[in-house]
Amino acid sequence: MGVSFDSPESNKAFQAKFDFPYDLLCDTDKVMSVAYGAATADASHPSRVSYLIDAEGRVLKAYDTVKPADHPDEVLADLG
């Protein structure tokens, strides 16, 4: 899943425009992004970071630098 500060309507339009195969969560109050260290409370947008989280909610791996073109393969390799 992806997360942004945008509204549900904006995320839905962005998802449709780029044909994203996953949902985008709306963190309009920035609580999740601040909790995961992806943003500060006064940030205009979260950093492009990623977390691999298991079924119990534990963070298995943090990706501090994400290149969208390469990241899916990187995560899949870590899952295998």
PDB file of N, CA and C in Angstrom:
ATOM      1  N   MET A   1       0.848  -1.180   0.000  1.00  0.00           N
ATOM      2  CA  MET A   1       0.000   0.000   0.000  1.00  0.00           C
ATOM      3  C   MET A   1       0.888   1.235   0.000  1.00  0.00           C
ATOM      4  N   GLY A   2       0.377   2.253  -0.578  1.00  0.00           N
ATOM      5  CA  GLY A   2       1.066   3.531  -0.543  1.00  0.00           C
ATOM      6  C   GLY A   2       0.335   4.465   0.404  1.00  0.00           C
ATOM      7  N   VAL A   3       1.042   5.468   0.900  1.00  0.00           N
ATOM      8  CA  VAL A   3       0.457   6.431   1.838  1.00  0.00           C
ATOM      9  C   VAL A   3       0.829   7.832   1.381  1.00  0.00           C
ATOM     10  N   SER A   4      -0.141   8.737   1.436  1.00  0.00           N
ATOM     11  CA  SER A   4       0.154  10.138   1.152  1.00  0.00           C
ATOM     12  C   SER A   4      -0.722  11.019   2.037  1.00  0.00           C
ATOM     13  N   PHE A   5      -0.403  12.308   2.028  1.00  0.00           N
ATOM     14  CA  PHE A   5      -1.195  13.280   2.791  1.00  0.00           C
ATOM     15  C   PHE A   5      -2.445  13.712   2.015  1.00  0.00           C
ATOM     16  N   ASP A   6      -2.590  13.258   0.799  1.00  0.00           N
ATOM     17  CA  ASP A   6      -3.687  13.702  -0.065  1.00  0.00           C
ATOM     18  C   ASP A   6      -5.041  13.144   0.363  1.00  0.00           C
ATOM     19  N   SER A   7      -6.092  13.764  -0.136  1.00  0.00           N
ATOM     20  CA  SER A   7      -7.465  13.349   0.158  1.00  0.00           C
ATOM     21  C   SER A   7      -7.786  12.035  -0.560  1.00  0.00           C
ATOM     22  N   PRO A   8      -8.840  11.346  -0.128  1.00  0.00           N
ATOM     23  CA  PRO A   8      -9.251  10.125  -0.833  1.00  0.00           C
ATOM     24  C   PRO A   8      -9.513  10.372  -2.317  1.00  0.00           C
ATOM     25  N   GLU A   9     -10.121  11.494  -2.642  1.00  0.00           N
ATOM     26  CA  GLU A   9     -10.422  11.801  -4.045  1.00  0.00           C
ATOM     27  C   GLU A   9      -9.141  11.980  -4.862  1.00  0.00           C
ATOM     28  N   SER A  10      -8.185  12.702  -4.308  1.00  0.00           N
ATOM     29  CA  SER A  10      -6.915  12.923  -5.006  1.00  0.00           C
ATOM     30  C   SER A  10      -6.154  11.612  -5.190  1.00  0.00           C
ATOM     31  N   ASN A  11      -6.131  10.786  -4.145  1.00  0.00           N
ATOM     32  CA  ASN A  11      -5.438   9.503  -4.251  1.00  0.00           C
ATOM     33  C   ASN A  11      -6.093   8.588  -5.268  1.00  0.00           C
ATOM     34  N   LYS A  12      -7.413   8.581  -5.308  1.00  0.00           N
ATOM     35  CA  LYS A  12      -8.140   7.740  -6.269  1.00  0.00           C
ATOM     36  C   LYS A  12      -7.800   8.171  -7.703  1.00  0.00           C
ATOM     37  N   ALA A  13      -7.773   9.483  -7.942  1.00  0.00           N
ATOM     38  CA  ALA A  13      -7.445  10.000  -9.274  1.00  0.00           C
ATOM     39  C   ALA A  13      -5.997   9.671  -9.646  1.00  0.00           C
ATOM     40  N   PHE A  14      -5.077   9.814  -8.708  1.00  0.00           N
ATOM     41  CA  PHE A  14      -3.673   9.492  -8.939  1.00  0.00           C
ATOM     42  C   PHE A  14      -3.508   8.005  -9.245  1.00  0.00           C
ATOM     43  N   GLN A  15      -4.191   7.173  -8.490  1.00  0.00           N
ATOM     44  CA  GLN A  15      -4.138   5.724  -8.689  1.00  0.00           C
ATOM     45  C   GLN A  15      -4.659   5.357 -10.080  1.00  0.00           C
ATOM     46  N   ALA A  16      -5.748   5.960 -10.488  1.00  0.00           N
ATOM     47  CA  ALA A  16      -6.326   5.674 -11.811  1.00  0.00           C
ATOM     48  C   ALA A  16      -5.411   6.183 -12.932  1.00  0.00           C
ATOM     49  N   LYS A  17      -4.886   7.389 -12.772  1.00  0.00           N
ATOM     50  CA  LYS A  17      -4.042   7.990 -13.805  1.00  0.00           C
ATOM     51  C   LYS A  17      -2.805   7.139 -14.089  1.00  0.00           C
ATOM     52  N   PHE A  18      -2.185   6.602 -13.038  1.00  0.00           N
ATOM     53  CA  PHE A  18      -0.954   5.833 -13.205  1.00  0.00           C
ATOM     54  C   PHE A  18      -1.178   4.326 -13.141  1.00  0.00           C
ATOM     55  N   ASP A  19      -2.449   3.914 -13.116  1.00  0.00           N
ATOM     56  CA  ASP A  19      -2.818   2.499 -13.122  1.00  0.00           C
ATOM     57  C   ASP A  19      -2.104   1.705 -12.028  1.00  0.00           C
ATOM     58  N   PHE A  20      -2.095   2.283 -10.816  1.00  0.00           N
ATOM     59  CA  PHE A  20      -1.459   1.599  -9.689  1.00  0.00           C
ATOM     60  C   PHE A  20      -2.232   0.340  -9.352  1.00  0.00           C
ATOM     61  N   PRO A  21      -1.543  -0.768  -9.111  1.00  0.00           N
ATOM     62  CA  PRO A  21      -2.221  -2.020  -8.780  1.00  0.00           C
ATOM     63  C   PRO A  21      -2.479  -2.175  -7.280  1.00  0.00           C
ATOM     64  N   TYR A  22      -2.218  -1.127  -6.503  1.00  0.00           N
ATOM     65  CA  TYR A  22      -2.425  -1.207  -5.057  1.00  0.00           C
ATOM     66  C   TYR A  22      -3.128   0.051  -4.569  1.00  0.00           C
ATOM     67  N   ASP A  23      -3.684  -0.044  -3.374  1.00  0.00           N
ATOM     68  CA  ASP A  23      -4.417   1.084  -2.800  1.00  0.00           C
ATOM     69  C   ASP A  23      -3.469   2.125  -2.220  1.00  0.00           C
ATOM     70  N   LEU A  24      -3.928   3.360  -2.210  1.00  0.00           N
ATOM     71  CA  LEU A  24      -3.205   4.457  -1.587  1.00  0.00           C
ATOM     72  C   LEU A  24      -3.982   4.888  -0.349  1.00  0.00           C
ATOM     73  N   LEU A  25      -3.339   4.833   0.800  1.00  0.00           N
ATOM     74  CA  LEU A  25      -3.967   5.245   2.047  1.00  0.00           C
ATOM     75  C   LEU A  25      -3.826   6.747   2.225  1.00  0.00           C
ATOM     76  N   CYS A  26      -4.798   7.343   2.867  1.00  0.00           N
ATOM     77  CA  CYS A  26      -4.804   8.787   3.097  1.00  0.00           C
ATOM     78  C   CYS A  26      -4.411   9.080   4.538  1.00  0.00           C
ATOM     79  N   ASP A  27      -3.281   9.718   4.707  1.00  0.00           N
ATOM     80  CA  ASP A  27      -2.779  10.109   6.021  1.00  0.00           C
ATOM     81  C   ASP A  27      -2.882  11.623   6.136  1.00  0.00           C
ATOM     82  N   THR A  28      -4.100  12.130   6.004  1.00  0.00           N
ATOM     83  CA  THR A  28      -4.311  13.571   5.958  1.00  0.00           C
ATOM     84  C   THR A  28      -3.934  14.267   7.265  1.00  0.00           C
ATOM     85  N   ASP A  29      -3.959  13.532   8.383  1.00  0.00           N
ATOM     86  CA  ASP A  29      -3.555  14.138   9.657  1.00  0.00           C
ATOM     87  C   ASP A  29      -2.085  13.866   9.988  1.00  0.00           C
ATOM     88  N   LYS A  30      -1.381  13.170   9.121  1.00  0.00           N
ATOM     89  CA  LYS A  30       0.058  12.902   9.194  1.00  0.00           C
ATOM     90  C   LYS A  30       0.462  11.985  10.349  1.00  0.00           C
ATOM     91  N   VAL A  31      -0.474  11.394  11.042  1.00  0.00           N
ATOM     92  CA  VAL A  31      -0.171  10.574  12.217  1.00  0.00           C
ATOM     93  C   VAL A  31       0.685   9.362  11.847  1.00  0.00           C
ATOM     94  N   MET A  32       0.297   8.625  10.814  1.00  0.00           N
ATOM     95  CA  MET A  32       1.053   7.437  10.427  1.00  0.00           C
ATOM     96  C   MET A  32       2.453   7.808   9.933  1.00  0.00           C
ATOM     97  N   SER A  33       2.531   8.811   9.104  1.00  0.00           N
ATOM     98  CA  SER A  33       3.830   9.204   8.531  1.00  0.00           C
ATOM     99  C   SER A  33       4.801   9.672   9.611  1.00  0.00           C
ATOM    100  N   VAL A  34       4.313  10.415  10.575  1.00  0.00           N
ATOM    101  CA  VAL A  34       5.161  10.863  11.679  1.00  0.00           C
ATOM    102  C   VAL A  34       5.577   9.663  12.530  1.00  0.00           C
ATOM    103  N   ALA A  35       4.641   8.751  12.824  1.00  0.00           N
ATOM    104  CA  ALA A  35       4.939   7.581  13.648  1.00  0.00           C
ATOM    105  C   ALA A  35       6.003   6.690  13.013  1.00  0.00           C
ATOM    106  N   TYR A  36       5.996   6.561  11.695  1.00  0.00           N
ATOM    107  CA  TYR A  36       6.976   5.727  10.995  1.00  0.00           C
ATOM    108  C   TYR A  36       8.244   6.495  10.615  1.00  0.00           C
ATOM    109  N   GLY A  37       8.309   7.767  10.971  1.00  0.00           N
ATOM    110  CA  GLY A  37       9.502   8.551  10.668  1.00  0.00           C
ATOM    111  C   GLY A  37       9.603   8.986   9.224  1.00  0.00           C
ATOM    112  N   ALA A  38       8.503   8.932   8.494  1.00  0.00           N
ATOM    113  CA  ALA A  38       8.502   9.323   7.085  1.00  0.00           C
ATOM    114  C   ALA A  38       8.232  10.809   6.893  1.00  0.00           C
ATOM    115  N   ALA A  39       7.895  11.509   7.973  1.00  0.00           N
ATOM    116  CA  ALA A  39       7.597  12.939   7.880  1.00  0.00           C
ATOM    117  C   ALA A  39       7.639  13.554   9.275  1.00  0.00           C
ATOM    118  N   THR A  40       7.737  14.867   9.288  1.00  0.00           N
ATOM    119  CA  THR A  40       7.576  15.611  10.523  1.00  0.00           C
ATOM    120  C   THR A  40       6.179  16.215  10.514  1.00  0.00           C
ATOM    121  N   ALA A  41       5.712  16.649  11.649  1.00  0.00           N
ATOM    122  CA  ALA A  41       4.356  17.186  11.749  1.00  0.00           C
ATOM    123  C   ALA A  41       4.134  18.397  10.852  1.00  0.00           C
ATOM    124  N   ASP A  42       5.188  19.146  10.549  1.00  0.00           N
ATOM    125  CA  ASP A  42       5.034  20.340   9.715  1.00  0.00           C
ATOM    126  C   ASP A  42       5.404  20.102   8.246  1.00  0.00           C
ATOM    127  N   ALA A  43       5.659  18.862   7.865  1.00  0.00           N
ATOM    128  CA  ALA A  43       6.033  18.542   6.479  1.00  0.00           C
ATOM    129  C   ALA A  43       4.855  18.720   5.527  1.00  0.00           C
ATOM    130  N   SER A  44       5.155  19.117   4.291  1.00  0.00           N
ATOM    131  CA  SER A  44       4.100  19.259   3.283  1.00  0.00           C
ATOM    132  C   SER A  44       3.810  17.929   2.584  1.00  0.00           C
ATOM    133  N   HIS A  45       4.764  16.987   2.667  1.00  0.00           N
ATOM    134  CA  HIS A  45       4.579  15.652   2.099  1.00  0.00           C
ATOM    135  C   HIS A  45       5.544  14.690   2.790  1.00  0.00           C
ATOM    136  N   PRO A  46       5.208  13.407   2.823  1.00  0.00           N
ATOM    137  CA  PRO A  46       6.120  12.439   3.444  1.00  0.00           C
ATOM    138  C   PRO A  46       7.306  12.136   2.538  1.00  0.00           C
ATOM    139  N   SER A  47       8.371  11.635   3.141  1.00  0.00           N
ATOM    140  CA  SER A  47       9.524  11.191   2.366  1.00  0.00           C
ATOM    141  C   SER A  47       9.164   9.917   1.619  1.00  0.00           C
ATOM    142  N   ARG A  48       9.901   9.633   0.563  1.00  0.00           N
ATOM    143  CA  ARG A  48       9.675   8.401  -0.194  1.00  0.00           C
ATOM    144  C   ARG A  48      10.486   7.292   0.466  1.00  0.00           C
ATOM    145  N   VAL A  49       9.869   6.683   1.480  1.00  0.00           N
ATOM    146  CA  VAL A  49      10.466   5.560   2.204  1.00  0.00           C
ATOM    147  C   VAL A  49       9.475   4.405   2.152  1.00  0.00           C
ATOM    148  N   SER A  50       9.939   3.232   2.539  1.00  0.00           N
ATOM    149  CA  SER A  50       9.080   2.057   2.474  1.00  0.00           C
ATOM    150  C   SER A  50       9.423   1.126   3.627  1.00  0.00           C
ATOM    151  N   TYR A  51       8.412   0.379   4.073  1.00  0.00           N
ATOM    152  CA  TYR A  51       8.600  -0.584   5.147  1.00  0.00           C
ATOM    153  C   TYR A  51       7.979  -1.907   4.755  1.00  0.00           C
ATOM    154  N   LEU A  52       8.705  -2.996   5.008  1.00  0.00           N
ATOM    155  CA  LEU A  52       8.187  -4.336   4.806  1.00  0.00           C
ATOM    156  C   LEU A  52       7.659  -4.780   6.163  1.00  0.00           C
ATOM    157  N   ILE A  53       6.340  -5.011   6.253  1.00  0.00           N
ATOM    158  CA  ILE A  53       5.673  -5.304   7.521  1.00  0.00           C
ATOM    159  C   ILE A  53       5.044  -6.689   7.437  1.00  0.00           C
ATOM    160  N   ASP A  54       5.249  -7.502   8.484  1.00  0.00           N
ATOM    161  CA  ASP A  54       4.701  -8.859   8.467  1.00  0.00           C
ATOM    162  C   ASP A  54       3.244  -8.879   8.917  1.00  0.00           C
ATOM    163  N   ALA A  55       2.644 -10.049   8.915  1.00  0.00           N
ATOM    164  CA  ALA A  55       1.227 -10.210   9.231  1.00  0.00           C
ATOM    165  C   ALA A  55       0.891  -9.794  10.660  1.00  0.00           C
ATOM    166  N   GLU A  56       1.889  -9.807  11.548  1.00  0.00           N
ATOM    167  CA  GLU A  56       1.663  -9.397  12.938  1.00  0.00           C
ATOM    168  C   GLU A  56       1.928  -7.911  13.158  1.00  0.00           C
ATOM    169  N   GLY A  57       2.273  -7.195  12.086  1.00  0.00           N
ATOM    170  CA  GLY A  57       2.505  -5.759  12.181  1.00  0.00           C
ATOM    171  C   GLY A  57       3.929  -5.370  12.538  1.00  0.00           C
ATOM    172  N   ARG A  58       4.855  -6.310  12.522  1.00  0.00           N
ATOM    173  CA  ARG A  58       6.256  -6.016  12.827  1.00  0.00           C
ATOM    174  C   ARG A  58       6.978  -5.531  11.576  1.00  0.00           C
ATOM    175  N   VAL A  59       7.788  -4.510  11.731  1.00  0.00           N
ATOM    176  CA  VAL A  59       8.598  -4.007  10.626  1.00  0.00           C
ATOM    177  C   VAL A  59       9.767  -4.964  10.437  1.00  0.00           C
ATOM    178  N   LEU A  60       9.815  -5.611   9.273  1.00  0.00           N
ATOM    179  CA  LEU A  60      10.892  -6.546   8.960  1.00  0.00           C
ATOM    180  C   LEU A  60      12.089  -5.850   8.323  1.00  0.00           C
ATOM    181  N   LYS A  61      11.802  -4.810   7.549  1.00  0.00           N
ATOM    182  CA  LYS A  61      12.871  -4.082   6.874  1.00  0.00           C
ATOM    183  C   LYS A  61      12.400  -2.674   6.558  1.00  0.00           C
ATOM    184  N   ALA A  62      13.311  -1.728   6.712  1.00  0.00           N
ATOM    185  CA  ALA A  62      13.043  -0.336   6.344  1.00  0.00           C
ATOM    186  C   ALA A  62      13.891   0.005   5.124  1.00  0.00           C
ATOM    187  N   TYR A  63      13.287   0.659   4.170  1.00  0.00           N
ATOM    188  CA  TYR A  63      13.971   1.104   2.953  1.00  0.00           C
ATOM    189  C   TYR A  63      14.014   2.631   3.011  1.00  0.00           C
ATOM    190  N   ASP A  64      15.185   3.174   3.326  1.00  0.00           N
ATOM    191  CA  ASP A  64      15.313   4.618   3.495  1.00  0.00           C
ATOM    192  C   ASP A  64      15.349   5.379   2.174  1.00  0.00           C
ATOM    193  N   THR A  65      15.757   4.699   1.114  1.00  0.00           N
ATOM    194  CA  THR A  65      15.807   5.303  -0.211  1.00  0.00           C
ATOM    195  C   THR A  65      15.051   4.389  -1.164  1.00  0.00           C
ATOM    196  N   VAL A  66      14.019   4.938  -1.785  1.00  0.00           N
ATOM    197  CA  VAL A  66      13.182   4.136  -2.681  1.00  0.00           C
ATOM    198  C   VAL A  66      13.240   4.722  -4.084  1.00  0.00           C
ATOM    199  N   LYS A  67      13.637   3.891  -5.038  1.00  0.00           N
ATOM    200  CA  LYS A  67      13.571   4.255  -6.451  1.00  0.00           C
ATOM    201  C   LYS A  67      12.385   3.484  -7.020  1.00  0.00           C
ATOM    202  N   PRO A  68      11.300   4.166  -7.396  1.00  0.00           N
ATOM    203  CA  PRO A  68      10.080   3.480  -7.823  1.00  0.00           C
ATOM    204  C   PRO A  68      10.288   2.401  -8.884  1.00  0.00           C
ATOM    205  N   ALA A  69      11.195   2.602  -9.812  1.00  0.00           N
ATOM    206  CA  ALA A  69      11.398   1.615 -10.880  1.00  0.00           C
ATOM    207  C   ALA A  69      12.025   0.324 -10.362  1.00  0.00           C
ATOM    208  N   ASP A  70      12.837   0.420  -9.309  1.00  0.00           N
ATOM    209  CA  ASP A  70      13.567  -0.735  -8.799  1.00  0.00           C
ATOM    210  C   ASP A  70      12.950  -1.359  -7.546  1.00  0.00           C
ATOM    211  N   HIS A  71      12.155  -0.604  -6.841  1.00  0.00           N
ATOM    212  CA  HIS A  71      11.701  -1.024  -5.520  1.00  0.00           C
ATOM    213  C   HIS A  71      10.859  -2.303  -5.502  1.00  0.00           C
ATOM    214  N   PRO A  72       9.929  -2.504  -6.412  1.00  0.00           N
ATOM    215  CA  PRO A  72       9.163  -3.760  -6.366  1.00  0.00           C
ATOM    216  C   PRO A  72      10.047  -5.008  -6.411  1.00  0.00           C
ATOM    217  N   ASP A  73      11.055  -5.006  -7.266  1.00  0.00           N
ATOM    218  CA  ASP A  73      11.958  -6.144  -7.358  1.00  0.00           C
ATOM    219  C   ASP A  73      12.777  -6.318  -6.082  1.00  0.00           C
ATOM    220  N   GLU A  74      13.154  -5.201  -5.477  1.00  0.00           N
ATOM    221  CA  GLU A  74      13.915  -5.233  -4.222  1.00  0.00           C
ATOM    222  C   GLU A  74      13.083  -5.877  -3.107  1.00  0.00           C
ATOM    223  N   VAL A  75      11.831  -5.479  -2.989  1.00  0.00           N
ATOM    224  CA  VAL A  75      10.948  -6.044  -1.958  1.00  0.00           C
ATOM    225  C   VAL A  75      10.677  -7.515  -2.233  1.00  0.00           C
ATOM    226  N   LEU A  76      10.393  -7.860  -3.473  1.00  0.00           N
ATOM    227  CA  LEU A  76      10.143  -9.261  -3.810  1.00  0.00           C
ATOM    228  C   LEU A  76      11.350 -10.133  -3.487  1.00  0.00           C
ATOM    229  N   ALA A  77      12.544  -9.617  -3.737  1.00  0.00           N
ATOM    230  CA  ALA A  77      13.758 -10.375  -3.400  1.00  0.00           C
ATOM    231  C   ALA A  77      13.858 -10.580  -1.894  1.00  0.00           C
ATOM    232  N   ASP A  78      13.489  -9.580  -1.120  1.00  0.00           N
ATOM    233  CA  ASP A  78      13.538  -9.693   0.340  1.00  0.00           C
ATOM    234  C   ASP A  78      12.472 -10.645   0.871  1.00  0.00           C
ATOM    235  N   LEU A  79      11.390 -10.790   0.156  1.00  0.00           N
ATOM    236  CA  LEU A  79      10.336 -11.728   0.568  1.00  0.00           C
ATOM    237  C   LEU A  79      10.727 -13.176   0.277  1.00  0.00           C
ATOM    238  N   GLY A  80      11.563 -13.379  -0.734  1.00  0.00           N
ATOM    239  CA  GLY A  80      11.934 -14.719  -1.170  1.00  0.00           C
ATOM    240  C   GLY A  80      13.024 -15.264  -0.365  1.00  0.00           C
TER     241      GLY A  80
END
